[in-house]
Protein backbone atom coordinates (compact mmCIF):
# COMPACT_ATOMS: atom_id res chain seq x y z
CA MET A 1 56.69 217.45 206.53
CA TRP A 2 56.47 213.72 206.09
CA LEU A 3 53.06 212.17 206.86
CA VAL A 4 53.08 209.44 209.49
CA ASP A 5 50.35 207.59 207.50
CA ASN A 6 52.76 207.08 204.63
CA SER A 7 55.74 206.34 206.83
CA GLN A 8 56.11 202.71 205.83
CA LYS A 9 56.14 203.52 202.13
CA ILE A 10 58.51 206.37 202.70
CA VAL A 11 60.91 204.31 204.79
CA LEU A 12 60.92 201.50 202.21
CA ALA A 13 61.61 203.94 199.36
CA VAL A 14 64.37 205.64 201.27
CA ILE A 15 66.01 202.32 202.14
CA VAL A 16 65.97 201.32 198.47
CA LEU A 17 67.45 204.63 197.39
CA PHE A 18 70.08 204.46 200.09
CA ALA A 19 71.00 200.90 199.10
CA ILE A 20 71.35 201.99 195.48
CA ALA A 21 73.60 204.84 196.56
CA VAL A 22 75.77 202.48 198.60
CA LEU A 23 75.95 200.05 195.68
CA LEU A 24 77.00 202.79 193.28
CA ASN A 25 79.57 204.00 195.73
CA ASN A 26 81.00 200.50 196.10
CA LEU A 27 81.12 200.09 192.34
CA GLY A 28 83.17 203.25 192.18
CA THR A 29 85.69 202.10 194.75
CA GLY A 30 89.11 201.79 193.26
CA LEU A 31 88.43 203.90 190.18
CA THR A 32 91.34 206.29 189.85
CA GLY A 33 90.16 208.12 186.77
CA SER A 34 86.98 209.47 185.20
CA ALA A 35 85.35 208.11 182.04
CA THR A 36 87.20 209.72 179.15
CA TRP A 37 87.03 208.85 175.47
CA GLN A 38 90.55 209.04 174.03
CA GLY A 39 89.58 207.96 170.52
CA TRP A 40 89.58 204.61 168.74
CA SER A 41 93.39 204.54 168.88
CA GLY A 42 93.63 206.55 172.08
CA CYS A 43 95.16 203.85 174.27
CA SER A 44 98.54 202.36 173.39
CA VAL A 45 101.53 200.65 174.96
CA SER A 46 103.43 203.95 174.92
CA ASN A 47 100.42 205.90 176.24
CA PRO A 48 98.43 203.50 178.47
CA CYS A 49 94.96 204.54 179.56
CA SER A 50 93.67 205.08 183.09
CA ASN A 51 90.53 203.57 184.62
CA GLY A 52 87.43 204.40 182.58
CA GLU A 53 89.37 205.43 179.46
CA GLY A 54 89.14 203.89 176.00
CA ASP A 55 89.46 202.59 173.37
CA CYS A 56 91.97 199.84 174.27
CA ASP A 57 92.87 196.67 172.37
CA ASN A 58 94.61 194.64 175.10
CA ASN A 59 95.77 194.82 178.74
CA ASN A 60 99.17 196.24 177.73
CA GLU A 61 97.37 199.42 176.64
CA CYS A 62 96.08 200.01 180.20
CA LEU A 63 97.94 201.18 183.30
CA ASP A 64 99.39 198.39 185.44
CA GLY A 65 96.65 196.59 187.38
CA LEU A 66 93.90 197.48 184.89
CA LYS A 67 92.35 195.21 182.26
CA CYS A 68 90.95 196.01 178.84
CA ALA A 69 87.26 195.07 179.06
CA ASP A 70 85.56 194.29 175.75
CA ASN A 71 82.37 196.04 174.59
CA VAL A 72 81.64 197.86 177.85
CA GLY A 73 81.37 201.28 176.22
CA PRO A 74 77.71 201.96 177.15
CA LYS A 75 78.68 201.67 180.84
CA TYR A 76 80.77 204.81 180.33
CA GLY A 77 78.63 206.58 177.74
CA PHE A 78 80.72 205.36 174.79
CA SER A 79 79.89 203.27 171.72
CA SER A 80 78.58 199.73 172.27
CA THR A 81 81.75 198.28 170.68
CA ALA A 82 84.18 200.37 172.71
CA ASP A 83 86.70 198.58 174.94
CA VAL A 84 87.59 200.34 178.21
CA CYS A 85 90.37 199.99 180.79
CA GLU A 86 88.87 198.86 184.12
CA GLY A 87 89.99 197.76 187.57
CA SER A 88 92.00 199.27 190.39
CA VAL A 89 95.65 200.04 190.87
CA SER A 90 96.86 199.00 194.33
CA VAL A 91 99.93 200.86 195.55
CA GLN A 92 101.36 199.77 198.88
CA GLN A 93 103.14 201.95 201.36
CA PRO A 94 105.66 200.06 203.50
CA ILE A 95 107.52 203.20 204.57
CA GLY A 96 106.52 204.00 208.13
CA ILE A 97 109.07 206.54 209.35
CA PHE A 98 107.47 209.36 207.41
CA GLY A 99 103.95 208.65 208.62
CA GLY A 100 101.67 205.66 209.00
CA SER A 101 102.58 202.37 210.60
CA SER A 102 106.04 200.95 210.17
CA GLY A 103 105.98 198.03 207.79
CA SER A 104 102.38 198.68 206.79
CA SER A 105 101.16 197.69 203.36
CA GLN A 106 97.88 199.54 202.99
CA PRO A 107 96.79 200.48 199.46
CA ILE A 108 96.47 204.14 198.65
CA PRO A 109 93.03 205.48 199.58
CA THR A 110 90.20 205.21 197.10
CA SER A 111 87.48 206.93 199.13
CA GLY A 112 88.92 210.41 198.68
CA SER A 113 90.71 212.00 195.74
CA SER A 114 93.81 210.85 193.90
CA ILE A 115 95.75 211.54 190.74
CA MET A 116 98.30 209.40 188.93
CA LYS A 117 101.05 211.31 187.14
CA GLU A 118 103.61 210.02 184.66
CA VAL A 119 106.78 211.96 185.38
CA PRO A 120 109.89 212.01 183.14
CA LEU A 121 113.00 210.83 184.98
CA GLY A 122 115.05 213.68 186.39
CA SER A 123 111.96 215.91 186.61
CA VAL A 124 109.83 217.64 189.25
CA VAL A 125 106.69 216.00 190.65
CA SER A 126 104.03 218.67 191.02
CA GLY A 127 100.31 218.48 191.77
CA SER A 128 97.57 218.77 194.35
CA VAL A 129 94.35 216.99 195.31
CA LYS A 130 91.40 217.95 197.49
CA ASP A 131 89.42 215.48 199.52
CA SER A 132 85.85 214.71 198.50
CA TYR A 133 84.52 217.11 201.14
CA GLY A 134 86.60 220.03 199.87
CA ASN A 135 88.07 220.45 203.36
CA GLY A 136 91.66 219.31 202.94
CA ILE A 137 94.25 219.76 200.21
CA LEU A 138 97.47 217.79 199.70
CA GLU A 139 100.13 219.65 197.70
CA VAL A 140 103.38 218.35 196.23
CA SER A 141 106.10 220.80 195.17
CA PRO A 142 103.99 223.90 195.88
CA GLY A 143 105.19 226.75 193.69
CA ALA A 144 107.22 224.33 191.58
CA SER A 145 108.29 227.09 189.21
CA SER A 146 110.54 228.49 191.91
CA ALA A 147 113.67 226.75 193.14
CA GLY A 148 113.65 225.02 196.49
CA ASN A 149 110.73 223.04 197.88
CA LEU A 150 110.56 220.28 195.29
CA VAL A 151 109.83 216.57 195.03
CA THR A 152 111.76 215.06 192.11
CA VAL A 153 112.10 211.68 190.41
CA GLU A 154 115.77 210.83 190.01
CA THR A 155 118.18 208.25 188.63
CA SER A 156 121.78 207.54 189.58
CA LEU A 157 122.99 209.88 186.84
CA THR A 158 120.50 212.72 187.22
CA SER A 159 121.18 212.88 190.98
CA LEU A 160 124.91 211.98 190.86
CA GLU A 161 124.16 209.30 193.45
CA ASP A 162 125.91 206.08 192.34
CA ASP A 163 124.20 203.98 195.03
CA TYR A 164 120.84 204.36 193.27
CA LYS A 165 122.21 202.15 190.45
CA THR A 166 119.30 201.35 188.09
CA ASP A 167 116.54 202.24 190.57
CA VAL A 168 114.27 205.21 190.03
CA VAL A 169 113.89 207.10 193.30
CA MET A 170 111.85 209.97 194.70
CA GLU A 171 113.87 212.73 196.37
CA VAL A 172 112.13 215.13 198.72
CA ALA A 173 113.19 218.60 199.83
CA ARG A 174 112.13 220.12 203.13
CA GLY A 175 108.68 221.75 202.90
CA SER A 176 107.84 220.09 199.56
CA ILE A 177 104.82 218.07 200.80
CA LYS A 178 102.05 220.08 202.44
CA TYR A 179 98.61 219.21 203.78
CA SER A 180 96.20 221.92 204.97
CA ASN A 181 92.60 222.80 205.79
CA SER A 182 90.94 226.17 205.54
CA TYR A 183 89.20 227.26 208.73
CA GLY A 184 86.77 229.93 209.78
CA SER A 185 86.74 232.02 212.93
CA VAL A 186 87.15 231.19 216.62
CA GLY A 187 84.92 228.27 217.63
CA PHE A 188 85.42 226.44 214.34
CA ILE A 189 85.84 222.71 214.98
CA ASP A 190 86.99 220.06 212.55
CA ASN A 191 88.83 216.79 212.17
CA PHE A 192 92.48 217.23 211.21
CA LEU A 193 94.40 214.03 210.43
CA GLY A 194 92.54 212.10 213.12
CA HIS A 195 92.62 214.90 215.73
CA THR A 196 89.84 217.29 216.72
CA ILE A 197 90.91 220.90 216.28
CA ASP A 198 88.84 223.56 218.09
CA ILE A 199 90.14 227.13 217.52
CA GLN A 200 90.14 229.17 220.71
CA LYS A 201 92.24 232.26 219.93
CA PHE A 202 94.30 233.81 217.12
CA VAL A 203 97.44 234.91 218.97
CA ASP A 204 99.24 236.27 215.89
CA LYS A 205 99.59 235.34 212.22
CA ASN A 206 101.77 232.34 213.09
CA THR A 207 100.38 231.26 216.47
CA LEU A 208 97.09 229.74 217.66
CA ASP A 209 95.51 228.69 220.92
CA VAL A 210 93.56 225.53 220.15
CA LEU A 211 91.86 222.62 221.81
CA ILE A 212 93.47 219.48 220.39
CA ASP A 213 91.42 216.43 221.33
CA GLY A 214 89.99 218.49 224.19
CA GLN A 215 93.33 219.75 225.58
CA LEU A 216 94.27 223.44 225.33
CA GLN A 217 97.58 223.99 223.51
CA THR A 218 99.45 226.84 221.83
CA ILE A 219 100.81 225.89 218.42
CA TYR A 220 103.04 227.94 216.15
CA ASP A 221 104.38 227.74 212.62
CA GLY A 222 107.28 225.27 212.38
CA GLN A 223 106.50 223.52 215.68
CA ALA A 224 106.66 219.71 215.80
CA PHE A 225 103.31 218.17 214.84
CA ILE A 226 101.33 215.99 217.25
CA GLY A 227 103.30 212.89 218.22
CA GLU A 228 106.52 214.01 216.51
CA SER A 229 109.92 214.27 218.17
CA THR A 230 110.49 217.87 219.24
CA ALA A 231 114.22 217.56 218.52
CA GLN A 232 113.94 216.01 215.04
CA PRO A 233 110.34 216.18 213.84
CA LYS A 234 109.50 214.69 210.47
CA TRP A 235 106.32 216.78 210.23
CA VAL A 236 105.75 220.31 211.57
CA TRP A 237 102.84 222.72 211.78
CA ASP A 238 102.44 225.01 208.75
CA LEU A 239 100.21 227.94 209.76
CA ASP A 240 98.95 230.93 207.82
CA ILE A 241 96.44 232.83 209.92
CA SER A 242 97.02 236.38 208.70
CA ASN A 243 93.33 236.33 207.68
CA THR A 244 91.41 235.23 210.78
CA SER A 245 88.17 234.79 208.84
CA ASN A 246 89.80 232.31 206.46
CA SER A 247 92.87 230.88 208.14
CA ARG A 248 94.90 227.95 206.86
CA ILE A 249 96.12 225.30 209.26
CA GLY A 250 98.38 222.60 207.92
CA ILE A 251 101.53 220.54 208.22
CA GLU A 252 104.59 220.13 206.02
CA ASN A 253 107.50 217.71 205.92
CA ASP A 254 110.61 218.68 207.86
CA PHE A 255 112.77 215.82 206.53
CA ILE A 256 115.05 215.67 203.49
CA ILE A 257 115.56 212.67 201.21
CA ASN A 258 118.45 213.17 198.82
CA ASP A 259 120.69 210.10 198.92
CA ALA A 260 120.54 206.32 199.30
CA SER A 261 121.16 206.45 203.06
CA ASP A 262 117.80 208.23 203.45
CA ASN A 263 116.03 205.08 202.20
CA PRO A 264 114.08 206.93 199.49
CA PRO A 265 110.92 205.57 197.86
CA LYS A 266 112.20 203.61 194.85
CA VAL A 267 111.19 201.24 192.07
CA GLY A 268 113.34 199.00 189.91
CA ASN A 269 110.73 198.23 187.23
CA SER A 270 107.08 198.71 186.36
CA PHE A 271 105.98 195.62 188.31
CA ASP A 272 107.37 196.83 191.63
CA VAL A 273 104.70 197.51 194.24
CA GLY A 274 106.32 200.84 194.99
CA THR A 275 106.69 202.79 198.21
CA CYS A 276 105.02 205.85 199.65
CA ILE A 277 105.54 208.80 201.94
CA SER A 278 102.45 208.82 204.15
CA LEU A 279 101.05 211.66 206.19
CA PRO A 280 100.92 211.02 209.95
CA SER A 281 97.73 209.37 211.22
CA SER A 282 96.37 209.20 207.69
CA PRO A 283 96.47 206.89 204.67
CA ALA A 284 96.94 209.97 202.47
CA ALA A 285 100.25 209.60 200.68
CA VAL A 286 102.60 210.50 197.86
CA CYS A 287 103.65 207.24 196.22
CA LEU A 288 106.28 206.24 193.71
CA SER A 289 104.33 203.33 192.30
CA GLY A 290 106.17 202.06 189.25
CA MET A 291 107.46 202.81 185.79
CA THR A 292 105.73 203.01 182.42
CA VAL A 293 107.98 200.44 180.71
CA ASN A 294 108.02 196.78 181.69
CA SER A 295 111.29 194.98 182.36
CA SER A 296 110.53 192.73 179.37
CA GLU A 297 110.52 195.74 177.02
CA TYR A 298 114.29 196.29 176.94
CA ASN A 299 116.79 195.22 174.29
CA THR A 300 120.53 194.72 174.71
CA PHE A 301 122.63 197.19 172.73
CA THR A 302 126.43 197.00 172.47
CA ILE A 303 129.10 199.28 171.06
CA ASN A 304 132.49 197.57 171.02
CA TYR A 305 135.93 197.49 169.41
CA ASN A 306 136.79 194.37 167.41
CA HIS A 307 140.34 194.00 166.07
CA SER A 308 139.41 191.43 163.40
CA VAL A 309 136.09 191.70 161.58
CA ASP A 310 135.34 190.03 158.26
CA LEU A 311 133.72 192.63 156.02
CA SER A 312 134.70 190.92 152.78
CA ASP A 313 131.08 190.59 151.64
CA ALA A 314 131.23 194.31 150.89
CA ASP A 315 134.99 194.75 150.30
CA ALA A 316 137.22 191.76 149.49
CA SER A 317 140.22 193.48 151.08
CA LEU A 318 138.55 193.69 154.50
CA ILE A 319 138.97 190.13 155.75
CA ALA A 320 140.25 191.12 159.21
CA ALA A 321 139.35 194.77 159.67
CA LYS A 322 139.59 196.77 162.88
CA ALA A 323 136.16 198.23 163.45
CA ILE A 324 133.59 199.69 165.79
CA VAL A 325 130.72 197.20 166.01
CA ILE A 326 127.23 198.45 166.91
CA LYS A 327 124.69 195.71 167.60
CA THR A 328 121.19 195.40 169.04
CA SER A 329 119.32 192.27 170.15
CA LYS A 330 116.13 193.65 168.61
CA LEU A 331 115.65 192.33 165.09
CA ASP A 332 115.80 195.27 162.68
CA GLY A 333 116.12 197.55 165.70
CA ILE A 334 118.18 200.18 163.85
CA LYS A 335 116.90 202.25 160.95
CA THR A 336 119.99 203.37 159.08
CA ALA A 337 120.72 206.85 157.84
CA PRO A 338 120.20 207.23 154.05
CA ASN A 339 122.92 205.92 151.74
CA VAL A 340 124.20 207.90 148.75
CA PHE A 341 120.97 207.05 146.89
CA GLY A 342 118.77 208.25 149.75
CA LYS A 343 117.68 204.75 150.72
CA THR A 344 117.40 203.57 154.36
CA TYR A 345 117.51 200.03 155.75
CA LEU A 346 116.39 198.15 158.83
CA THR A 347 119.19 196.23 160.49
CA ASP A 348 120.51 195.04 163.83
CA LYS A 349 124.23 195.58 163.14
CA LEU A 350 126.54 198.35 161.93
CA TRP A 351 130.32 198.48 161.43
CA ILE A 352 132.52 201.57 161.16
CA ILE A 353 136.17 201.43 160.14
CA GLY A 354 138.86 204.06 160.70
CA ASN A 355 138.53 205.81 157.34
CA GLY A 356 134.85 206.50 158.05
CA VAL A 357 133.22 203.84 155.91
CA VAL A 358 130.00 202.45 157.41
CA PHE A 359 128.59 198.99 156.71
CA TYR A 360 125.36 197.29 157.75
CA GLU A 361 124.00 193.74 157.84
CA ASP A 362 121.33 193.20 155.19
CA LEU A 363 118.24 190.98 155.30
CA ASN A 364 120.30 188.00 154.10
CA GLY A 365 122.79 188.33 156.94
CA ARG A 366 125.50 189.66 154.63
CA VAL A 367 127.67 192.73 155.09
CA ALA A 368 126.74 195.61 152.78
CA LEU A 369 128.11 199.10 152.21
CA LEU A 370 126.00 201.90 153.69
CA LYS A 371 127.91 205.15 153.38
CA GLN A 372 131.14 207.09 153.71
CA ILE A 373 131.27 209.55 156.62
CA THR A 374 132.13 212.89 155.04
CA SER A 375 131.49 215.39 157.84
CA LYS A 376 132.64 215.73 161.41
CA ASP A 377 129.18 215.07 162.89
CA GLU A 378 127.05 212.67 160.89
CA ALA A 379 123.92 210.59 161.48
CA LEU A 380 124.25 206.80 161.47
CA GLY A 381 120.62 205.88 162.17
CA THR A 382 117.67 205.96 164.58
CA MET A 383 115.95 203.60 167.01
CA ASN A 384 112.58 203.40 168.76
CA ASN A 385 110.69 204.98 165.85
CA GLY A 386 113.03 207.93 165.80
CA GLU A 387 113.03 208.62 169.55
CA LEU A 388 116.77 207.82 169.73
CA VAL A 389 119.40 209.08 167.30
CA LEU A 390 122.75 207.38 166.67
CA ARG A 391 125.53 209.47 165.18
CA SER A 392 129.30 209.65 164.78
CA ILE A 393 131.70 212.50 165.52
CA ASN A 394 135.02 212.16 163.68
CA GLU A 395 137.80 214.14 165.36
CA GLY A 396 140.68 212.66 163.41
CA LYS A 397 142.40 210.89 166.30
CA ASN A 398 139.10 209.85 167.82
CA MET A 399 135.77 208.50 166.59
CA LYS A 400 132.90 209.15 168.98
CA ILE A 401 129.65 207.22 168.82
CA VAL A 402 126.83 209.27 170.33
CA LEU A 403 123.39 207.99 171.37
CA ALA A 404 120.85 210.66 172.30
CA PRO A 405 117.07 211.22 172.44
CA SER A 406 115.76 213.20 169.48
CA SER A 407 113.47 215.30 171.67
CA SER A 408 114.90 218.34 173.41
CA ALA A 409 112.52 217.49 176.29
CA VAL A 410 114.93 214.68 177.25
CA SER A 411 118.21 216.52 177.12
CA GLU A 412 121.03 214.00 177.46
CA SER A 413 123.60 212.02 175.48
CA LEU A 414 125.82 208.96 175.89
CA THR A 415 129.18 209.03 174.14
CA ALA A 416 131.62 206.15 173.58
CA ASN A 417 135.11 207.41 172.63
CA PHE A 418 137.26 205.24 170.31
CA ALA A 419 140.90 205.91 169.41
CA ILE A 420 142.13 206.05 165.78
CA VAL A 421 145.77 205.24 164.96
CA ASN A 422 146.99 205.34 161.35
CA ARG A 423 143.40 205.68 160.09
CA GLN A 424 142.37 202.50 161.91
CA ILE A 425 140.19 202.02 164.98
CA SER A 426 142.57 200.87 167.73
CA SER A 427 140.60 200.68 171.02
CA LEU A 428 137.76 201.91 173.17
CA GLY A 429 139.51 204.74 174.97
CA ALA A 430 143.22 205.28 174.56
CA ILE A 431 144.35 201.85 175.74
CA THR A 432 143.17 198.45 174.53
CA SER A 433 141.49 196.17 177.09
CA ALA A 434 141.53 198.70 179.90
CA ALA A 435 138.70 200.66 181.54
CA GLU A 436 139.37 204.40 181.36
CA TYR A 437 137.71 207.43 182.85
CA GLU A 438 136.92 209.29 179.60
CA GLU A 439 136.04 206.38 177.29
CA LEU A 440 132.33 206.67 178.24
CA ALA A 441 130.58 209.96 179.00
CA TRP A 442 127.07 211.03 179.93
CA LYS A 443 125.79 214.58 179.59
CA GLY A 444 122.46 215.71 181.00
CA ILE A 445 120.76 219.06 181.60
CA ASN A 446 123.83 220.31 183.41
CA PRO A 447 126.25 221.60 180.73
CA SER A 448 129.17 219.76 182.29
CA THR A 449 129.98 216.20 181.15
CA SER A 450 130.11 213.26 183.56
CA TYR A 451 132.78 210.71 182.68
CA ILE A 452 131.58 207.31 183.82
CA GLY A 453 134.08 204.89 182.21
CA ILE A 454 135.39 203.56 185.52
CA LYS A 455 132.13 203.39 187.48
CA ASP A 456 131.71 199.84 188.74
CA GLU A 457 127.92 199.64 189.09
CA ASP A 458 124.96 199.76 186.71
CA HIS A 459 123.34 203.14 186.04
CA ARG A 460 120.20 204.59 184.45
CA THR A 461 119.85 207.64 182.19
CA ARG A 462 117.00 210.18 181.93
CA TYR A 463 115.52 208.36 178.93
CA GLY A 464 115.61 205.16 181.00
CA ILE A 465 118.58 203.43 179.33
CA ILE A 466 120.42 201.07 181.67
CA ILE A 467 124.22 201.22 181.42
CA ARG A 468 125.75 197.94 182.52
CA ASP A 469 128.87 198.17 184.76
CA PRO A 470 131.07 200.49 182.63
CA LYS A 471 134.32 199.47 184.34
CA THR A 472 133.94 195.72 183.81
CA HIS A 473 132.75 196.06 180.21
CA GLY A 474 135.27 198.79 179.46
CA ALA A 475 138.07 196.35 180.26
CA SER A 476 136.72 194.30 177.34
CA ASP A 477 136.53 197.37 175.05
CA GLU A 478 132.74 197.40 175.02
CA VAL A 479 129.77 199.46 176.17
CA VAL A 480 126.70 197.39 177.08
CA LEU A 481 123.30 199.05 177.34
CA GLU A 482 119.73 197.91 177.96
CA ILE A 483 117.52 200.18 175.86
CA PRO A 484 113.76 200.42 176.58
CA ASN A 485 111.34 200.34 173.65
CA ARG A 486 110.27 203.89 174.53
CA GLN A 487 111.07 206.62 177.03
CA VAL A 488 110.68 205.50 180.64
CA LYS A 489 108.59 207.62 182.99
CA ALA A 490 107.84 207.18 186.68
CA ARG A 491 104.28 206.70 187.91
CA VAL A 492 103.59 208.88 190.94
CA SER A 493 100.25 208.96 192.76
CA ILE A 494 99.09 211.76 195.03
CA ALA A 495 96.17 210.53 197.13
CA LEU A 496 94.08 212.07 199.88
CA THR A 497 91.22 210.53 201.86
CA ALA A 498 88.11 212.39 202.80
CA THR A 499 88.31 214.26 206.10
CA SER A 500 84.92 213.55 207.64
CA PRO A 501 84.43 214.29 211.34
CA SER A 502 85.38 210.83 212.59
CA GLN A 503 86.50 212.16 215.97
CA PRO A 504 83.48 214.09 217.36
CA ALA A 505 84.17 217.04 219.61
CA LYS A 506 81.48 216.12 222.10
CA THR A 507 78.14 214.37 222.46
CA VAL A 508 74.97 216.41 222.88
CA THR A 509 71.83 214.71 224.16
CA CYS A 510 68.65 215.95 222.49
CA THR A 511 65.20 215.27 223.86
CA PHE A 512 61.71 215.73 222.48
CA GLY A 513 60.64 219.37 222.22
CA ASN A 514 64.12 220.81 222.72
CA ASN A 515 66.65 222.29 220.30
CA CYS A 516 70.20 220.89 220.16
CA PHE A 517 73.08 223.28 219.54
CA LEU A 518 75.88 221.62 217.59
CA ASN A 519 79.24 222.49 216.09
CA GLN A 520 80.64 220.71 213.07
CA GLY A 521 81.72 217.25 214.17
CA ASP A 522 79.47 217.07 217.20
CA THR A 523 77.30 214.01 217.70
CA ALA A 524 73.61 214.33 218.47
CA GLU A 525 72.07 211.55 220.54
CA ILE A 526 68.46 211.30 219.49
CA SER A 527 65.46 210.47 221.63
CA GLY A 528 61.80 211.31 221.35
CA ASN A 529 59.50 211.55 218.35
CA LYS A 530 60.52 214.79 216.70
CA ILE A 531 63.38 217.20 217.32
CA LYS A 532 65.34 219.94 215.61
CA LEU A 533 69.11 220.04 215.53
CA MET A 534 70.79 223.42 215.30
CA ASP A 535 74.37 224.37 214.57
CA VAL A 536 75.35 227.77 215.92
CA GLY A 537 78.24 229.04 213.78
CA SER A 538 79.54 232.12 212.05
CA THR A 539 77.30 231.47 209.05
CA GLY A 540 74.07 231.08 211.01
CA ASP A 541 72.01 228.26 212.41
CA ILE A 542 71.55 225.02 210.53
CA ILE A 543 68.28 223.32 211.30
CA LEU A 544 67.76 219.63 210.63
CA ASP A 545 64.21 218.33 210.92
CA VAL A 546 64.25 214.83 212.37
CA GLU A 547 61.24 212.55 212.76
CA GLN A 548 60.77 209.32 214.66
CA VAL A 549 58.72 206.80 212.66
CA GLY A 550 58.27 203.41 214.29
CA LYS A 551 61.75 202.16 215.12
CA SER A 552 63.47 204.48 212.66
CA THR A 553 64.73 208.03 212.89
CA GLN A 554 64.91 210.15 209.75
CA ILE A 555 66.76 213.32 208.85
CA VAL A 556 64.13 214.94 206.66
CA ARG A 557 65.70 218.19 205.45
CA ALA A 558 68.12 220.96 206.22
CA ASN A 559 67.22 224.61 205.89
CA ARG A 560 70.26 225.26 203.68
CA THR A 561 73.19 223.53 202.02
CA LEU A 562 75.61 221.97 204.47
CA ASN A 563 79.38 221.90 204.04
CA PHE A 564 79.93 218.86 206.22
CA ASP A 565 78.44 215.56 207.27
CA ALA A 566 75.51 215.31 209.62
CA VAL A 567 76.19 212.76 212.37
CA LEU A 568 73.54 210.86 214.29
CA LYS A 569 74.31 208.57 217.21
CA ILE A 570 71.59 206.10 217.98
CA SER A 571 72.02 203.22 220.45
CA ASN A 572 75.80 203.81 220.43
CA LYS A 573 75.99 203.40 216.67
CA GLU A 574 77.12 206.35 214.56
CA THR A 575 75.67 207.00 211.12
CA TYR A 576 77.19 209.58 208.81
CA TYR A 577 75.24 211.25 206.06
CA ASP A 578 76.76 213.58 203.50
CA PHE A 579 74.56 216.65 203.12
CA GLN A 580 77.24 218.49 201.16
CA GLY A 581 75.80 220.25 198.14
CA LYS A 582 72.21 219.40 199.15
CA SER A 583 69.47 221.26 200.99
CA SER A 584 67.21 218.26 201.56
CA ALA A 585 67.63 214.52 201.71
CA THR A 586 66.56 211.53 203.77
CA ILE A 587 68.38 208.74 205.54
CA VAL A 588 66.88 206.00 207.70
CA VAL A 589 68.59 204.76 210.87
CA THR A 590 67.17 201.73 212.64
CA VAL A 591 66.79 202.00 216.43
CA LEU A 592 67.82 198.78 218.19
């Protein structure tokens, strides 16, 4: 027990400790990652670090919104000269029809748990987070290994949805976003997405009788959630109560987002604020928050037919040659394939003529011989440090120029098809100066080829390459691409706030000398000098010793570890204290 004689010292010490705790908590607000040492070269532009990670050299080596702070290593337990990414990433959620307020722009929660994932385009988003109390869990693409309930990041080509154009979007299948709490037996009370849930009866494994905000209701699996339209609910109850001693009560999405008319969450570049799908009555959300490559990190790349090219620097007879011209705006952006002597060159321009001879532009801006194509499928060069491979396929009457990622993890290819007549390049496609269906093709994971030569909008590939209006450029016998400096990935955050009992079930008035019987979430109204608070539950009584010292009331200790917050209500002011993981602690509440 605390001694009244030392009360002033005790109260002062507790206040200081509490203030320190609040300060530390505030300092942590906005940190989306834990302190992790990635090595002295661990952060890079292609692999940016999260909050609390190092070593970084500049802001470009940190996730968007973070800054590279110099010599702050000791703050994170690193070397004194270590530089660490710091700050907070604010992701707004203007989508209101899936939960939250229409037109809202709240940042994703930082007081609970969140993860940021970098997801390859055309891939499944999968993950889960628990709130800081361990009560609730938010799952995305549960059981992602099986087909069906998936959230995916798509492009116009991976989804076959032309209206997406160059945007990266998040498609959502029914039942792919789930939020749930685990509950005990009858009489268990908790906060669930802003509503008080008090279990009254297990009817069967899919049906419950519950008090929701004090009103008795029967809910069943698949029923419209609170406040949802019964005819077309966006969120429905997701119940699993086959085990009545450890039941799971949750909700899942009942909507589908799979085309542009569904107004999917989308981003056009890494600087976009992004959009979210929010849970009802909660800032918890799944957010498509940007891309890993900035809009400034793209280079224009063209493949075109030119009927009169001067290649006389390398061959005096080629003053007006018909050729395929491959050009990039990035200086030395192409590393050529080896010539006959095994030597490679850096260049920004290649030419290929009908007999398979390949030329490049040297450092002096002159045309030089590179190689003679001798096989049907032959490498021409690489880009992006080998991430992209450029090659030719000679079919006699056609010369195909293929651009594809070198990694099998990004399975796709872009192919421009040029016609050969009398051993000379004659056009892109079969007809000069005309856009044609088969002159440009994209092939992804699906074994079938998509011919996109007459599509009249911009598109984006899995690697992140932007294809500029194939129809318009095809009419000029050219393919125009915007190629990122590295593979583009989508940034997706999964965030969940803590589910503390913010909506108490009822208020119990406790007086001196009496015990107060509480359920989780109840509020005790304190009066008198010393009382005990007791929670009668399936796991036994919880006893909180409370003492009145001057104008302050203190929770002194609990007889065992609590799994929820203790709540005191004094003079109509509520004070929450997290006893989770502790068997004794002290908080001071001033009585007005």
